[in-house]
N, C-alpha and C. Protein backbone atom coordinates (compact mmCIF):
# COMPACT_ATOMS: atom_id res chain seq x y z
N MET A 1 89.82 183.09 106.53
CA MET A 1 89.03 181.90 106.28
C MET A 1 88.40 182.01 104.89
N PRO A 2 88.60 181.01 104.08
CA PRO A 2 88.11 181.06 102.70
C PRO A 2 86.59 180.89 102.61
N LEU A 3 86.02 181.49 101.56
CA LEU A 3 84.60 181.39 101.27
C LEU A 3 84.43 180.51 100.03
N PHE A 4 83.51 179.57 100.12
CA PHE A 4 83.24 178.65 99.01
C PHE A 4 81.78 178.76 98.58
N LYS A 5 81.54 178.60 97.28
CA LYS A 5 80.19 178.52 96.74
C LYS A 5 79.98 177.08 96.29
N ILE A 6 78.96 176.44 96.85
CA ILE A 6 78.64 175.05 96.54
C ILE A 6 77.35 175.06 95.72
N THR A 7 77.38 174.48 94.51
CA THR A 7 76.23 174.50 93.61
C THR A 7 75.89 173.07 93.17
N VAL A 8 74.60 172.76 93.14
CA VAL A 8 74.13 171.45 92.69
C VAL A 8 74.27 171.39 91.16
N LYS A 9 74.94 170.33 90.67
CA LYS A 9 75.20 170.18 89.23
C LYS A 9 74.00 169.64 88.46
N THR A 10 73.31 168.64 89.02
CA THR A 10 72.18 168.01 88.33
C THR A 10 71.03 167.79 89.30
N ALA A 11 69.83 167.78 88.78
CA ALA A 11 68.65 167.51 89.61
C ALA A 11 68.72 166.07 90.13
N LYS A 12 68.22 165.87 91.34
CA LYS A 12 68.25 164.54 91.94
C LYS A 12 67.06 164.42 92.89
N ASN A 13 66.40 163.28 92.86
CA ASN A 13 65.29 163.00 93.77
C ASN A 13 65.58 161.65 94.42
N SER A 14 65.91 161.68 95.71
CA SER A 14 66.30 160.46 96.40
C SER A 14 65.90 160.53 97.86
N ASN A 15 65.36 159.44 98.38
CA ASN A 15 64.95 159.34 99.79
C ASN A 15 64.02 160.48 100.21
N GLY A 16 63.15 160.90 99.31
CA GLY A 16 62.19 161.94 99.62
C GLY A 16 62.77 163.35 99.61
N VAL A 17 64.00 163.50 99.14
CA VAL A 17 64.65 164.82 99.09
C VAL A 17 64.85 165.18 97.61
N ARG A 18 64.36 166.36 97.24
CA ARG A 18 64.47 166.82 95.86
C ARG A 18 65.50 167.93 95.77
N LEU A 19 66.50 167.73 94.92
CA LEU A 19 67.51 168.75 94.64
C LEU A 19 67.33 169.22 93.21
N GLU A 20 67.40 170.52 93.01
CA GLU A 20 67.28 171.09 91.68
C GLU A 20 68.64 171.63 91.23
N LYS A 21 68.92 171.49 89.96
CA LYS A 21 70.15 172.03 89.40
C LYS A 21 70.20 173.53 89.66
N GLY A 22 71.35 174.02 90.12
CA GLY A 22 71.52 175.44 90.36
C GLY A 22 71.33 175.88 91.80
N MET A 23 70.76 175.01 92.65
CA MET A 23 70.66 175.36 94.07
C MET A 23 72.07 175.59 94.59
N SER A 24 72.28 176.67 95.34
CA SER A 24 73.64 176.93 95.81
C SER A 24 73.63 177.54 97.20
N VAL A 25 74.74 177.33 97.89
CA VAL A 25 74.97 177.90 99.22
C VAL A 25 76.40 178.42 99.27
N ASP A 26 76.60 179.40 100.12
CA ASP A 26 77.95 179.90 100.39
C ASP A 26 78.35 179.44 101.78
N VAL A 27 79.54 178.91 101.92
CA VAL A 27 80.03 178.45 103.22
C VAL A 27 81.42 179.00 103.48
N VAL A 28 81.65 179.31 104.74
CA VAL A 28 82.97 179.72 105.20
C VAL A 28 83.60 178.51 105.86
N SER A 29 84.83 178.24 105.51
CA SER A 29 85.51 177.06 106.04
C SER A 29 86.75 177.47 106.81
N ASN A 30 87.08 176.72 107.85
CA ASN A 30 88.31 176.95 108.60
C ASN A 30 89.52 176.38 107.87
N SER A 31 89.24 175.61 106.82
CA SER A 31 90.29 174.94 106.08
C SER A 31 90.31 175.45 104.64
N PHE A 32 91.46 175.38 104.00
CA PHE A 32 91.56 175.76 102.60
C PHE A 32 91.18 174.60 101.68
N ASN A 33 90.87 173.45 102.26
CA ASN A 33 90.49 172.27 101.49
C ASN A 33 89.01 172.32 101.12
N ASN A 34 88.61 171.45 100.22
CA ASN A 34 87.24 171.32 99.76
C ASN A 34 86.30 171.07 100.96
N PRO A 35 85.32 171.94 101.22
CA PRO A 35 84.43 171.75 102.37
C PRO A 35 83.48 170.56 102.24
N VAL A 36 83.30 170.04 101.03
CA VAL A 36 82.45 168.87 100.84
C VAL A 36 83.14 167.62 101.41
N THR A 37 84.46 167.59 101.33
CA THR A 37 85.19 166.41 101.79
C THR A 37 85.84 166.60 103.16
N THR A 38 85.84 167.81 103.69
CA THR A 38 86.44 168.09 104.99
C THR A 38 85.42 167.92 106.10
N ASN A 39 85.78 167.20 107.14
CA ASN A 39 84.91 166.96 108.31
C ASN A 39 83.56 166.38 107.92
N GLY A 40 83.56 165.51 106.95
CA GLY A 40 82.31 164.87 106.53
C GLY A 40 81.35 165.82 105.85
N GLY A 41 81.83 166.98 105.43
CA GLY A 41 80.97 167.94 104.74
C GLY A 41 79.92 168.60 105.61
N GLN A 42 80.15 168.61 106.92
CA GLN A 42 79.13 169.09 107.85
C GLN A 42 78.74 170.55 107.61
N VAL A 43 79.68 171.42 107.24
CA VAL A 43 79.32 172.82 106.99
C VAL A 43 78.39 172.94 105.77
N VAL A 44 78.58 172.06 104.79
CA VAL A 44 77.72 172.06 103.60
C VAL A 44 76.34 171.52 103.96
N VAL A 45 76.29 170.45 104.73
CA VAL A 45 75.01 169.88 105.19
C VAL A 45 74.23 170.94 105.97
N ASP A 46 74.90 171.62 106.89
CA ASP A 46 74.25 172.65 107.70
C ASP A 46 73.74 173.80 106.84
N ALA A 47 74.51 174.21 105.84
CA ALA A 47 74.10 175.32 104.98
C ALA A 47 72.86 174.97 104.15
N PHE A 48 72.81 173.78 103.57
CA PHE A 48 71.62 173.37 102.81
C PHE A 48 70.41 173.23 103.73
N GLN A 49 70.62 172.75 104.93
CA GLN A 49 69.52 172.63 105.90
C GLN A 49 69.00 174.02 106.27
N ARG A 50 69.90 174.93 106.52
CA ARG A 50 69.53 176.28 106.95
C ARG A 50 68.80 177.05 105.84
N ILE A 51 69.30 176.97 104.60
CA ILE A 51 68.76 177.78 103.52
C ILE A 51 67.55 177.13 102.83
N TYR A 52 67.63 175.83 102.56
CA TYR A 52 66.56 175.16 101.81
C TYR A 52 65.71 174.21 102.66
N GLY A 53 66.16 173.91 103.87
CA GLY A 53 65.41 172.99 104.73
C GLY A 53 65.48 171.54 104.26
N ILE A 54 66.57 171.18 103.57
CA ILE A 54 66.73 169.81 103.08
C ILE A 54 68.01 169.20 103.63
N ASP A 55 68.00 167.88 103.71
CA ASP A 55 69.17 167.14 104.18
C ASP A 55 69.88 166.55 102.97
N ILE A 56 70.92 167.22 102.52
CA ILE A 56 71.63 166.79 101.32
C ILE A 56 72.35 165.47 101.54
N LYS A 57 72.70 165.18 102.78
CA LYS A 57 73.36 163.91 103.11
C LYS A 57 72.37 162.75 102.95
N LYS A 58 71.14 162.96 103.41
CA LYS A 58 70.09 161.94 103.28
C LYS A 58 69.81 161.64 101.80
N ALA A 59 69.93 162.66 100.96
CA ALA A 59 69.70 162.48 99.53
C ALA A 59 70.85 161.76 98.84
N GLY A 60 71.95 161.57 99.56
CA GLY A 60 73.11 160.89 98.97
C GLY A 60 73.85 161.76 97.98
N ALA A 61 73.74 163.08 98.14
CA ALA A 61 74.34 164.00 97.17
C ALA A 61 75.52 164.78 97.74
N LEU A 62 76.02 164.36 98.89
CA LEU A 62 77.15 165.05 99.49
C LEU A 62 78.44 164.52 98.87
N SER A 63 78.65 164.91 97.62
CA SER A 63 79.77 164.41 96.84
C SER A 63 80.08 165.39 95.72
N THR A 64 81.31 165.42 95.28
CA THR A 64 81.66 166.29 94.16
C THR A 64 81.07 165.79 92.85
N VAL A 65 80.49 164.61 92.85
CA VAL A 65 79.78 164.12 91.67
C VAL A 65 78.54 164.99 91.45
N TYR A 66 77.86 165.37 92.53
CA TYR A 66 76.63 166.15 92.45
C TYR A 66 76.83 167.64 92.75
N LEU A 67 77.94 167.98 93.39
CA LEU A 67 78.15 169.35 93.82
C LEU A 67 79.41 169.95 93.19
N ASP A 68 79.27 171.18 92.72
CA ASP A 68 80.39 171.93 92.17
C ASP A 68 80.89 172.86 93.27
N VAL A 69 82.19 172.86 93.51
CA VAL A 69 82.78 173.68 94.56
C VAL A 69 83.69 174.73 93.94
N GLN A 70 83.42 176.00 94.26
CA GLN A 70 84.25 177.10 93.79
C GLN A 70 84.70 177.93 94.97
N ARG A 71 85.97 178.23 95.01
CA ARG A 71 86.48 179.12 96.06
C ARG A 71 86.31 180.55 95.56
N ILE A 72 85.60 181.36 96.31
CA ILE A 72 85.31 182.74 95.87
C ILE A 72 85.94 183.79 96.76
N GLY A 73 86.58 183.38 97.80
CA GLY A 73 87.20 184.38 98.67
C GLY A 73 88.24 183.81 99.58
C-alpha cells in the first residue's frame, strides 16, 4: 500500500477553517491513485481532522489546487 504526503500549498481561510501553507499529513492508501481524488478524499479529510482538528472539506480545500500530493512510499 503506497504512502502519500499531502501538503497545503497556500494559506486559506474559509468557513471558519484556517489552513496554513506547509501543513502536511501522511496517508496510506489502498489505491495507487491520488488519495485526494479517490473515494472523495476521505482518507485525507480524516488525516487532517485527526492531526490538526480541522475539516479540510468544509474549508473547500480538498482539491489539488490547494494540496500538493507526493508519493513517498
